[in-house]
């Protein structure tokens, strides 16, 4: 499945923040999912 991360989620993921829920963390870590990030977030 494809997932587009918003800016906050991307920042929390990169910084390994506890603000990121376990559910979202598992989705991002699942190699079967394609994680997308908008160029605007960079």
C-alpha atoms as a PDB file:
ATOM      1  CA  UNK A   1       0.000   0.000   0.000  1.00  0.00           C
ATOM      2  CA  UNK A   2       1.164   3.575  -0.624  1.00  0.00           C
ATOM      3  CA  UNK A   3       1.358   6.090   2.215  1.00  0.00           C
ATOM      4  CA  UNK A   4       2.096   9.799   1.917  1.00  0.00           C
ATOM      5  CA  UNK A   5       3.630  11.157   5.114  1.00  0.00           C
ATOM      6  CA  UNK A   6       2.763  14.674   6.151  1.00  0.00           C
ATOM      7  CA  UNK A   7       5.577  16.940   7.346  1.00  0.00           C
ATOM      8  CA  UNK A   8       5.013  16.341  11.074  1.00  0.00           C
ATOM      9  CA  UNK A   9       4.949  12.571  10.675  1.00  0.00           C
ATOM     10  CA  UNK A  10       8.114  12.660   8.588  1.00  0.00           C
ATOM     11  CA  UNK A  11       9.953  14.797  11.180  1.00  0.00           C
ATOM     12  CA  UNK A  12       8.777  12.599  14.068  1.00  0.00           C
ATOM     13  CA  UNK A  13       9.843   9.459  12.179  1.00  0.00           C
ATOM     14  CA  UNK A  14      13.308  10.828  11.343  1.00  0.00           C
ATOM     15  CA  UNK A  15      13.832  11.970  14.947  1.00  0.00           C
ATOM     16  CA  UNK A  16      12.394   8.725  16.374  1.00  0.00           C
ATOM     17  CA  UNK A  17       9.936  10.788  18.391  1.00  0.00           C
ATOM     18  CA  UNK A  18       7.619   9.205  20.913  1.00  0.00           C
ATOM     19  CA  UNK A  19       4.866  11.354  19.355  1.00  0.00           C
ATOM     20  CA  UNK A  20       4.674   8.821  16.519  1.00  0.00           C
ATOM     21  CA  UNK A  21       2.080   6.184  17.353  1.00  0.00           C
ATOM     22  CA  UNK A  22       2.972   2.484  17.327  1.00  0.00           C
ATOM     23  CA  UNK A  23       0.472   1.924  14.530  1.00  0.00           C
ATOM     24  CA  UNK A  24       2.088   4.526  12.265  1.00  0.00           C
ATOM     25  CA  UNK A  25       5.594   3.336  13.126  1.00  0.00           C
ATOM     26  CA  UNK A  26       4.666  -0.224  12.128  1.00  0.00           C
ATOM     27  CA  UNK A  27       3.164   1.003   8.845  1.00  0.00           C
ATOM     28  CA  UNK A  28       6.353   2.904   8.008  1.00  0.00           C
ATOM     29  CA  UNK A  29       8.599  -0.027   8.966  1.00  0.00           C
ATOM     30  CA  UNK A  30       6.616  -2.559   6.911  1.00  0.00           C
ATOM     31  CA  UNK A  31       8.669  -3.267   3.772  1.00  0.00           C
ATOM     32  CA  UNK A  32       5.500  -4.123   1.843  1.00  0.00           C
ATOM     33  CA  UNK A  33       4.370  -0.491   2.098  1.00  0.00           C
ATOM     34  CA  UNK A  34       5.680   2.290  -0.097  1.00  0.00           C
ATOM     35  CA  UNK A  35       6.324   5.431   1.948  1.00  0.00           C
ATOM     36  CA  UNK A  36       6.123   8.696   0.047  1.00  0.00           C
ATOM     37  CA  UNK A  37       7.185  12.165   1.158  1.00  0.00           C
ATOM     38  CA  UNK A  38       6.188  15.387  -0.570  1.00  0.00           C
ATOM     39  CA  UNK A  39       9.008  17.520  -1.943  1.00  0.00           C
ATOM     40  CA  UNK A  40       7.423  20.393  -0.003  1.00  0.00           C
ATOM     41  CA  UNK A  41       8.272  18.571   3.260  1.00  0.00           C
ATOM     42  CA  UNK A  42      11.943  18.618   2.413  1.00  0.00           C
END
